[in-house]
N, C-alpha and C. Protein backbone atom coordinates (compact mmCIF):
# COMPACT_ATOMS: atom_id res chain seq x y z
N UNK A 1 51.90 59.91 37.18
CA UNK A 1 51.56 60.58 38.24
C UNK A 1 50.08 61.07 37.99
N UNK A 2 49.76 61.37 36.87
CA UNK A 2 48.24 61.79 36.44
C UNK A 2 47.33 60.71 36.87
N UNK A 3 47.71 59.50 36.64
CA UNK A 3 46.73 58.28 36.99
C UNK A 3 46.58 58.22 38.48
N UNK A 4 47.56 58.63 39.24
CA UNK A 4 47.49 58.46 40.73
C UNK A 4 46.50 59.63 41.14
N UNK A 5 46.74 60.83 40.75
CA UNK A 5 45.85 61.99 41.00
C UNK A 5 44.42 61.81 40.60
N UNK A 6 44.25 61.11 39.47
CA UNK A 6 42.87 61.00 39.06
C UNK A 6 42.16 59.80 39.67
N UNK A 7 43.05 58.83 40.12
CA UNK A 7 42.37 57.85 41.11
C UNK A 7 42.02 58.23 42.44
N UNK A 8 42.87 59.07 43.16
CA UNK A 8 42.67 59.60 44.31
C UNK A 8 41.33 60.61 44.32
N UNK A 9 41.42 61.49 43.33
CA UNK A 9 40.19 62.39 43.00
C UNK A 9 38.85 61.46 42.90
N UNK A 10 39.01 60.51 42.06
CA UNK A 10 37.83 59.77 41.80
C UNK A 10 37.33 58.93 42.97
N UNK A 11 38.29 58.50 43.82
CA UNK A 11 37.88 57.77 45.03
C UNK A 11 37.19 58.61 45.96
N UNK A 12 37.86 60.01 46.17
CA UNK A 12 37.30 60.86 47.20
C UNK A 12 35.96 61.48 46.58
N UNK A 13 35.81 61.57 45.33
CA UNK A 13 34.51 62.02 44.79
C UNK A 13 33.35 61.09 45.21
N UNK A 14 33.78 59.63 44.99
CA UNK A 14 32.64 58.64 45.12
C UNK A 14 32.47 58.70 46.72
N UNK A 15 33.43 58.60 47.44
CA UNK A 15 33.22 58.48 48.96
C UNK A 15 32.49 59.74 49.40
N UNK A 16 32.77 60.85 48.98
CA UNK A 16 31.99 62.05 49.37
C UNK A 16 30.51 61.99 48.94
N UNK A 17 30.41 61.44 47.74
CA UNK A 17 28.85 61.34 47.27
C UNK A 17 28.17 60.43 48.16
N UNK A 18 28.67 59.16 48.39
CA UNK A 18 27.98 58.20 49.23
C UNK A 18 27.89 58.80 50.58
N UNK A 19 28.95 59.41 51.11
CA UNK A 19 28.79 59.81 52.52
C UNK A 19 27.74 60.94 52.68
N UNK A 20 27.34 61.69 51.60
CA UNK A 20 26.31 62.63 51.77
C UNK A 20 24.97 61.89 52.25
N UNK A 21 24.84 60.81 51.93
CA UNK A 21 23.55 60.16 52.14
C UNK A 21 23.42 59.79 53.78
N UNK A 22 24.58 60.19 54.45
CA UNK A 22 24.34 59.80 56.00
C UNK A 22 23.39 61.00 56.60
N UNK A 23 23.12 61.99 55.73
CA UNK A 23 22.24 63.06 56.35
C UNK A 23 20.84 62.47 56.39
N UNK A 24 20.50 61.53 55.64
CA UNK A 24 19.16 60.90 55.82
C UNK A 24 18.83 60.29 57.14
N UNK A 25 19.68 59.26 57.41
CA UNK A 25 19.51 58.63 58.88
C UNK A 25 19.50 59.76 59.93
N UNK A 26 20.53 60.72 59.87
CA UNK A 26 20.67 61.77 60.80
C UNK A 26 19.29 62.46 60.99
N UNK A 27 18.70 62.92 59.79
CA UNK A 27 17.40 63.57 59.98
C UNK A 27 16.46 62.85 60.50
N UNK A 28 16.24 61.60 60.07
CA UNK A 28 15.12 60.79 60.64
C UNK A 28 15.33 60.44 62.06
N UNK A 29 16.49 60.27 62.62
CA UNK A 29 16.75 59.95 63.96
C UNK A 29 16.46 61.18 64.73
N UNK A 30 16.92 62.42 64.23
CA UNK A 30 16.43 63.59 64.86
C UNK A 30 14.88 63.82 64.87
N UNK A 31 14.36 63.59 63.88
CA UNK A 31 12.90 63.83 63.73
C UNK A 31 12.05 62.81 64.83
N UNK A 32 12.64 61.64 64.80
CA UNK A 32 12.16 60.51 65.74
C UNK A 32 12.22 61.21 67.17
N UNK A 33 13.35 61.63 67.50
CA UNK A 33 13.54 62.29 68.84
C UNK A 33 12.58 63.33 69.24
N UNK A 34 12.42 64.35 68.24
CA UNK A 34 11.65 65.39 68.51
C UNK A 34 10.24 64.96 68.65
N UNK A 35 9.68 63.92 67.86
CA UNK A 35 8.37 63.34 67.97
C UNK A 35 8.16 62.72 69.27
N UNK A 36 9.18 61.83 69.68
CA UNK A 36 9.07 61.15 70.95
C UNK A 36 9.11 62.13 72.24
N UNK A 37 9.89 63.10 72.07
CA UNK A 37 10.11 64.14 73.15
C UNK A 37 8.88 64.99 73.34
N UNK A 38 8.38 65.46 72.33
CA UNK A 38 7.36 66.57 72.41
C UNK A 38 6.08 65.97 72.26
N UNK A 39 5.83 64.94 71.44
CA UNK A 39 4.44 64.46 71.19
C UNK A 39 4.13 63.42 72.33
N UNK A 40 5.18 62.61 72.70
CA UNK A 40 4.86 61.50 73.62
C UNK A 40 5.46 61.66 75.01
N UNK A 41 6.15 63.03 75.19
CA UNK A 41 6.89 63.18 76.49
C UNK A 41 7.76 61.96 76.78
N UNK A 42 8.39 61.25 75.86
CA UNK A 42 9.24 60.11 76.02
C UNK A 42 10.57 60.18 75.43
N UNK A 43 11.43 61.16 75.88
CA UNK A 43 12.86 61.19 75.30
C UNK A 43 13.54 60.05 75.34
N UNK A 44 14.44 59.85 74.20
CA UNK A 44 15.09 58.68 74.19
C UNK A 44 16.61 58.86 74.84
N UNK A 45 17.29 57.49 75.18
CA UNK A 45 18.46 57.73 75.86
C UNK A 45 19.66 57.64 74.70
N UNK A 46 19.32 57.17 73.58
CA UNK A 46 20.46 56.85 72.63
C UNK A 46 20.53 57.91 71.41
N UNK A 47 19.52 58.74 71.16
CA UNK A 47 19.36 59.58 70.02
C UNK A 47 20.63 60.57 70.04
N UNK A 48 20.80 61.15 71.22
CA UNK A 48 21.89 62.20 71.13
C UNK A 48 23.20 61.67 70.76
N UNK A 49 23.55 60.42 71.20
CA UNK A 49 24.80 59.86 70.99
C UNK A 49 24.86 59.32 69.52
N UNK A 50 23.71 58.81 69.02
CA UNK A 50 23.59 58.20 67.65
C UNK A 50 23.83 59.43 66.74
N UNK A 51 23.15 60.60 66.94
CA UNK A 51 23.37 61.58 66.05
C UNK A 51 24.89 62.25 65.96
N UNK A 52 25.53 62.09 67.15
CA UNK A 52 26.79 62.50 67.29
C UNK A 52 27.77 61.57 66.38
N UNK A 53 27.57 60.25 66.58
CA UNK A 53 28.20 59.25 65.84
C UNK A 53 28.05 59.32 64.38
N UNK A 54 26.80 59.59 63.86
CA UNK A 54 26.57 59.67 62.42
C UNK A 54 27.13 60.86 62.07
N UNK A 55 26.97 62.03 62.65
CA UNK A 55 27.44 63.41 62.14
C UNK A 55 28.92 63.33 62.23
N UNK A 56 29.67 62.69 63.21
CA UNK A 56 31.02 62.60 63.20
C UNK A 56 31.54 61.73 62.12
N UNK A 57 30.77 60.70 61.70
CA UNK A 57 31.24 59.88 60.51
C UNK A 57 31.14 60.73 59.25
N UNK A 58 30.04 61.46 59.26
CA UNK A 58 29.64 62.28 58.03
C UNK A 58 31.00 63.29 57.90
N UNK A 59 31.21 63.85 58.84
CA UNK A 59 32.28 64.96 58.98
C UNK A 59 33.72 64.32 58.62
N UNK A 60 34.08 63.37 59.26
CA UNK A 60 35.40 62.76 59.14
C UNK A 60 35.59 62.07 57.63
N UNK A 61 34.62 61.43 57.08
CA UNK A 61 34.61 60.74 55.92
C UNK A 61 34.58 61.82 54.73
N UNK A 62 34.05 63.03 55.04
CA UNK A 62 33.70 63.97 53.97
C UNK A 62 34.84 65.02 54.02
N UNK A 63 35.78 65.05 54.87
CA UNK A 63 36.75 66.21 54.93
C UNK A 63 37.71 65.94 53.67
N UNK A 64 38.06 64.81 53.11
CA UNK A 64 38.72 64.66 51.81
C UNK A 64 38.04 65.25 50.70
N UNK A 65 36.72 65.03 50.59
CA UNK A 65 35.97 65.48 49.54
C UNK A 65 35.88 67.05 49.61
N UNK A 66 35.67 67.57 50.84
CA UNK A 66 35.76 68.93 50.83
C UNK A 66 37.11 69.52 50.61
N UNK A 67 38.22 69.02 50.93
CA UNK A 67 39.59 69.39 50.34
C UNK A 67 39.61 69.36 48.90
N UNK A 68 39.19 68.30 48.32
CA UNK A 68 39.31 68.40 46.71
C UNK A 68 38.50 69.43 46.18
N UNK A 69 37.29 69.89 46.81
CA UNK A 69 36.70 70.94 46.27
C UNK A 69 36.89 72.40 46.84
N UNK A 70 38.10 72.54 47.57
CA UNK A 70 38.55 73.59 48.14
C UNK A 70 37.59 74.21 48.96
N UNK A 71 36.82 73.42 49.87
CA UNK A 71 35.76 73.81 50.73
C UNK A 71 35.97 74.22 52.11
N UNK A 72 37.37 74.01 52.45
CA UNK A 72 37.84 74.22 53.83
C UNK A 72 38.03 75.75 54.00
N UNK A 73 37.96 76.10 55.19
CA UNK A 73 38.27 77.59 55.60
C UNK A 73 39.72 77.90 55.23
N UNK A 74 39.94 78.84 54.47
CA UNK A 74 41.33 79.50 54.13
C UNK A 74 41.43 80.79 54.18
N UNK A 75 42.71 81.21 54.68
CA UNK A 75 42.83 82.70 54.49
C UNK A 75 43.83 82.86 53.51
N UNK A 76 43.21 83.40 52.31
CA UNK A 76 44.06 83.53 51.13
C UNK A 76 44.21 84.92 50.78
N UNK A 77 44.47 85.89 51.74
CA UNK A 77 44.74 87.21 51.50
C UNK A 77 45.87 87.32 50.87
N UNK A 78 47.03 86.72 51.10
CA UNK A 78 48.30 86.72 50.48
C UNK A 78 48.18 86.00 49.02
N UNK A 79 47.71 84.81 49.04
CA UNK A 79 47.74 83.87 47.95
C UNK A 79 47.03 84.51 46.80
N UNK A 80 45.92 85.09 47.13
CA UNK A 80 45.04 85.70 46.12
C UNK A 80 45.63 86.89 45.22
N UNK A 81 46.57 87.69 45.93
CA UNK A 81 47.19 88.62 45.30
C UNK A 81 48.51 88.35 44.44
N UNK A 82 48.82 86.98 44.55
CA UNK A 82 50.01 86.56 43.82
C UNK A 82 49.56 86.08 42.42
N UNK A 83 50.53 86.17 41.53
CA UNK A 83 50.29 85.69 40.07
C UNK A 83 50.15 84.11 40.10
N UNK A 84 49.71 83.55 39.02
CA UNK A 84 49.37 82.17 39.24
C UNK A 84 50.65 81.29 39.62
N UNK A 85 51.72 81.50 38.86
CA UNK A 85 52.96 80.61 39.33
C UNK A 85 53.45 80.67 40.71
N UNK A 86 53.80 81.90 41.30
CA UNK A 86 54.11 82.05 42.73
C UNK A 86 52.97 81.47 43.58
N UNK A 87 51.77 81.55 43.25
CA UNK A 87 50.53 81.09 44.12
C UNK A 87 50.70 79.46 44.10
N UNK A 88 51.03 78.97 42.99
CA UNK A 88 51.14 77.47 42.81
C UNK A 88 52.30 77.01 43.56
N UNK A 89 53.39 77.83 43.58
CA UNK A 89 54.60 77.39 44.24
C UNK A 89 54.46 77.50 45.82
N UNK A 90 53.64 78.46 46.29
CA UNK A 90 53.38 78.71 47.68
C UNK A 90 52.54 77.57 48.12
N UNK A 91 51.52 77.15 47.38
CA UNK A 91 50.61 76.03 47.81
C UNK A 91 51.36 74.78 47.98
N UNK A 92 52.25 74.64 47.06
CA UNK A 92 53.05 73.41 46.96
C UNK A 92 54.01 73.38 48.11
N UNK A 93 54.71 74.50 48.43
CA UNK A 93 55.44 74.45 49.70
C UNK A 93 54.68 74.15 51.06
N UNK A 94 53.50 74.92 51.19
CA UNK A 94 52.76 74.67 52.32
C UNK A 94 52.19 73.35 52.34
N UNK A 95 51.82 72.75 51.29
CA UNK A 95 51.36 71.41 51.38
C UNK A 95 52.44 70.44 51.85
N UNK A 96 53.63 70.67 51.22
CA UNK A 96 54.79 69.76 51.52
C UNK A 96 55.43 69.91 52.99
N UNK A 97 55.42 71.21 53.40
CA UNK A 97 55.97 71.39 54.70
C UNK A 97 55.02 71.33 55.87
N UNK A 98 53.78 71.71 55.70
CA UNK A 98 52.64 71.68 56.74
C UNK A 98 51.76 70.75 56.57
N UNK A 99 51.04 70.54 55.45
CA UNK A 99 49.90 69.79 55.30
C UNK A 99 50.13 68.30 55.34
N UNK A 100 50.81 67.82 54.49
CA UNK A 100 51.16 66.48 54.39
C UNK A 100 51.92 65.78 55.70
N UNK A 101 52.80 66.48 56.29
CA UNK A 101 53.29 65.97 57.57
C UNK A 101 52.31 66.00 58.77
N UNK A 102 51.56 67.08 58.77
CA UNK A 102 50.40 67.05 59.83
C UNK A 102 49.45 66.05 59.71
N UNK A 103 48.97 66.01 58.48
CA UNK A 103 47.78 65.01 58.13
C UNK A 103 48.42 63.47 58.03
N UNK A 104 49.61 63.44 57.85
CA UNK A 104 50.24 62.07 57.89
C UNK A 104 50.46 61.63 59.28
N UNK A 105 50.82 62.46 60.23
CA UNK A 105 50.87 62.18 61.60
C UNK A 105 49.53 61.79 62.11
N UNK A 106 48.38 62.72 61.77
CA UNK A 106 47.11 62.31 62.18
C UNK A 106 46.66 61.02 61.76
N UNK A 107 46.92 60.60 60.48
CA UNK A 107 46.54 59.38 59.99
C UNK A 107 47.37 58.27 60.70
N UNK A 108 48.61 58.37 60.85
CA UNK A 108 49.18 57.29 61.69
C UNK A 108 48.63 57.03 63.12
N UNK A 109 48.54 58.17 63.71
CA UNK A 109 48.09 58.16 65.30
C UNK A 109 46.53 57.68 65.30
N UNK A 110 45.68 58.19 64.36
CA UNK A 110 44.32 57.67 64.30
C UNK A 110 44.30 56.20 64.07
N UNK A 111 45.18 55.62 63.18
CA UNK A 111 45.07 54.30 63.14
C UNK A 111 45.52 53.41 64.35
N UNK A 112 46.58 53.96 65.04
CA UNK A 112 47.06 53.41 66.30
C UNK A 112 45.78 53.66 67.38
N UNK A 113 45.13 54.71 67.42
CA UNK A 113 43.96 54.88 68.09
C UNK A 113 42.82 53.81 68.02
N UNK A 114 42.58 53.65 66.52
CA UNK A 114 41.50 52.82 66.16
C UNK A 114 41.87 51.30 66.58
N UNK A 115 43.12 50.84 66.31
CA UNK A 115 43.73 49.55 66.69
C UNK A 115 43.56 49.24 68.07
N UNK A 116 43.88 50.26 68.88
CA UNK A 116 43.78 50.17 70.34
C UNK A 116 42.34 49.98 70.78
N UNK A 117 41.45 50.77 70.15
CA UNK A 117 40.05 50.63 70.50
C UNK A 117 39.52 49.24 70.08
N UNK A 118 40.04 48.73 68.97
CA UNK A 118 39.54 47.27 68.50
C UNK A 118 40.01 46.21 69.49
N UNK A 119 41.29 46.44 69.94
CA UNK A 119 41.95 45.45 70.94
C UNK A 119 40.99 45.39 72.00
N UNK A 120 40.52 46.37 72.52
CA UNK A 120 39.77 46.67 73.96
C UNK A 120 38.27 46.44 73.59
N UNK A 121 37.80 46.33 72.38
CA UNK A 121 36.50 46.40 72.11
C UNK A 121 35.67 47.54 72.83
N UNK A 122 36.27 48.66 72.73
CA UNK A 122 35.73 49.89 73.39
C UNK A 122 34.43 50.20 73.10
N UNK A 123 33.76 50.61 74.25
CA UNK A 123 32.36 51.06 74.30
C UNK A 123 32.35 52.53 74.73
N UNK A 124 31.27 53.20 74.35
CA UNK A 124 31.13 54.59 74.81
C UNK A 124 30.80 54.45 76.31
N UNK A 125 31.25 55.44 77.12
CA UNK A 125 31.05 55.56 78.49
C UNK A 125 29.72 56.30 78.84
N UNK A 126 28.61 55.68 78.25
CA UNK A 126 27.37 56.33 78.61
C UNK A 126 26.41 55.16 78.97
N UNK A 127 25.05 55.58 79.34
CA UNK A 127 24.25 54.43 79.65
C UNK A 127 23.81 53.60 78.48
N UNK A 128 23.95 54.18 77.15
CA UNK A 128 23.65 53.32 75.96
C UNK A 128 24.77 52.60 75.65
N UNK A 129 26.04 53.06 75.86
CA UNK A 129 27.29 52.27 75.60
C UNK A 129 27.46 51.56 74.21
N UNK A 130 27.20 52.21 73.12
CA UNK A 130 27.48 51.57 71.92
C UNK A 130 28.93 51.32 71.55
N UNK A 131 29.38 50.51 70.80
CA UNK A 131 30.67 50.14 70.57
C UNK A 131 31.28 51.31 69.67
N UNK A 132 32.42 51.75 69.98
CA UNK A 132 32.87 53.00 69.33
C UNK A 132 34.17 52.63 68.36
N UNK A 133 34.72 51.47 68.50
CA UNK A 133 35.72 51.18 67.65
C UNK A 133 35.51 51.29 66.18
N UNK A 134 34.27 50.94 65.66
CA UNK A 134 33.88 51.11 64.29
C UNK A 134 34.13 52.66 63.98
N UNK A 135 33.66 53.50 64.72
CA UNK A 135 33.81 54.83 64.41
C UNK A 135 35.10 55.52 64.50
N UNK A 136 35.91 55.00 65.49
CA UNK A 136 37.38 55.28 65.41
C UNK A 136 38.10 54.92 64.13
N UNK A 137 37.66 53.72 63.62
CA UNK A 137 38.25 53.24 62.40
C UNK A 137 37.73 54.15 61.28
N UNK A 138 36.57 54.54 61.34
CA UNK A 138 36.15 55.47 60.19
C UNK A 138 36.80 56.82 60.32
N UNK A 139 37.20 57.22 61.49
CA UNK A 139 37.90 58.43 61.73
C UNK A 139 39.36 58.39 61.09
N UNK A 140 39.97 57.18 61.33
CA UNK A 140 41.29 56.95 60.74
C UNK A 140 41.14 56.91 59.18
N UNK A 141 40.15 56.17 58.62
CA UNK A 141 39.98 56.22 57.17
C UNK A 141 39.80 57.72 56.55
N UNK A 142 38.99 58.52 57.36
CA UNK A 142 38.86 59.87 56.85
C UNK A 142 40.17 60.58 56.79
N UNK A 143 41.26 60.47 57.82
CA UNK A 143 42.45 61.11 57.72
C UNK A 143 43.35 60.46 56.72
N UNK A 144 43.12 59.24 56.39
CA UNK A 144 43.90 58.60 55.37
C UNK A 144 43.47 59.17 53.92
N UNK A 145 42.25 59.29 53.88
CA UNK A 145 41.62 59.85 52.67
C UNK A 145 42.06 61.29 52.38
N UNK A 146 42.09 62.07 53.46
CA UNK A 146 42.61 63.41 53.56
C UNK A 146 44.08 63.49 53.07
N UNK A 147 44.76 62.67 53.52
CA UNK A 147 46.25 62.65 53.29
C UNK A 147 46.34 62.24 51.75
N UNK A 148 45.64 61.24 51.36
CA UNK A 148 45.68 60.89 49.85
C UNK A 148 45.24 62.17 49.08
N UNK A 149 44.19 62.96 49.41
CA UNK A 149 43.84 64.18 48.70
C UNK A 149 44.94 65.22 48.68
N UNK A 150 45.58 65.27 49.78
CA UNK A 150 46.73 66.14 49.77
C UNK A 150 47.80 65.82 48.90
N UNK A 151 48.01 64.48 48.78
CA UNK A 151 49.03 64.07 47.75
C UNK A 151 48.51 64.36 46.29
N UNK A 152 47.17 64.14 46.02
CA UNK A 152 46.66 64.53 44.71
C UNK A 152 46.81 66.08 44.54
N UNK A 153 46.65 66.80 45.41
CA UNK A 153 46.83 68.30 45.31
C UNK A 153 48.25 68.74 44.96
N UNK A 154 49.30 67.97 45.61
CA UNK A 154 50.54 68.19 45.31
C UNK A 154 51.01 67.80 43.80
N UNK A 155 50.36 66.69 43.44
CA UNK A 155 50.58 66.27 42.10
C UNK A 155 50.01 67.18 41.05
N UNK A 156 48.75 67.76 41.47
CA UNK A 156 48.07 68.70 40.58
C UNK A 156 48.94 69.84 40.48
N UNK A 157 49.50 70.38 41.58
CA UNK A 157 50.36 71.65 41.47
C UNK A 157 51.62 71.58 40.77
N UNK A 158 52.27 70.40 40.94
CA UNK A 158 53.44 70.02 40.13
C UNK A 158 53.01 69.98 38.60
N UNK A 159 51.93 69.36 38.30
CA UNK A 159 51.49 69.41 36.88
C UNK A 159 51.19 70.72 36.34
N UNK A 160 50.62 71.56 37.27
CA UNK A 160 50.26 72.96 36.93
C UNK A 160 51.53 73.74 36.73
N UNK A 161 52.54 73.34 37.36
CA UNK A 161 53.83 74.20 37.23
C UNK A 161 54.46 73.81 35.96
N UNK A 162 54.47 72.52 35.52
CA UNK A 162 55.02 72.02 34.41
C UNK A 162 54.35 72.78 33.12
N UNK A 163 52.96 72.74 33.28
CA UNK A 163 52.20 73.31 32.17
C UNK A 163 52.26 74.85 32.10
N UNK A 164 52.62 75.65 33.24
CA UNK A 164 52.94 76.98 33.05
C UNK A 164 54.30 77.31 32.51
N UNK A 165 55.28 76.23 32.50
CA UNK A 165 56.62 76.47 31.94
C UNK A 165 56.50 76.18 30.51
N UNK A 166 55.64 75.48 30.06
CA UNK A 166 55.45 75.24 28.51
C UNK A 166 54.91 76.56 27.81
């Protein structure tokens, strides 16, 4: 089980690292739009949508990395007051009852959503009309990576409980 946890953590660490580089084209495109709009009075049709697609990809592919590093918003008022063992048990229960089923369903339905988009070769309903099926696929991948990271967290908590008993 440790190998599974280590593999998932390693995968999400690498994916998160490489995903962070999406900020570069995002900044370049926004700078291009600002230059075109204010220096040449010639705003573009495609930049707003391109930034949405790039940022959406950055967000969705980065959610598992953020979860790995406990970077999501959490209300830990109760958890922080508990001793280590009950805190670990609470995290384990919440992950098994709420997190994994919810993210599991999001993963399944996002794959269905992406598959349907590929079948129709779906385009955005804008004047630029870029294909959006690749981005829906990336969304599904993001949810699957988040689900895997949830599994890694459960394994980590089980391992932590075993170590606390020793």
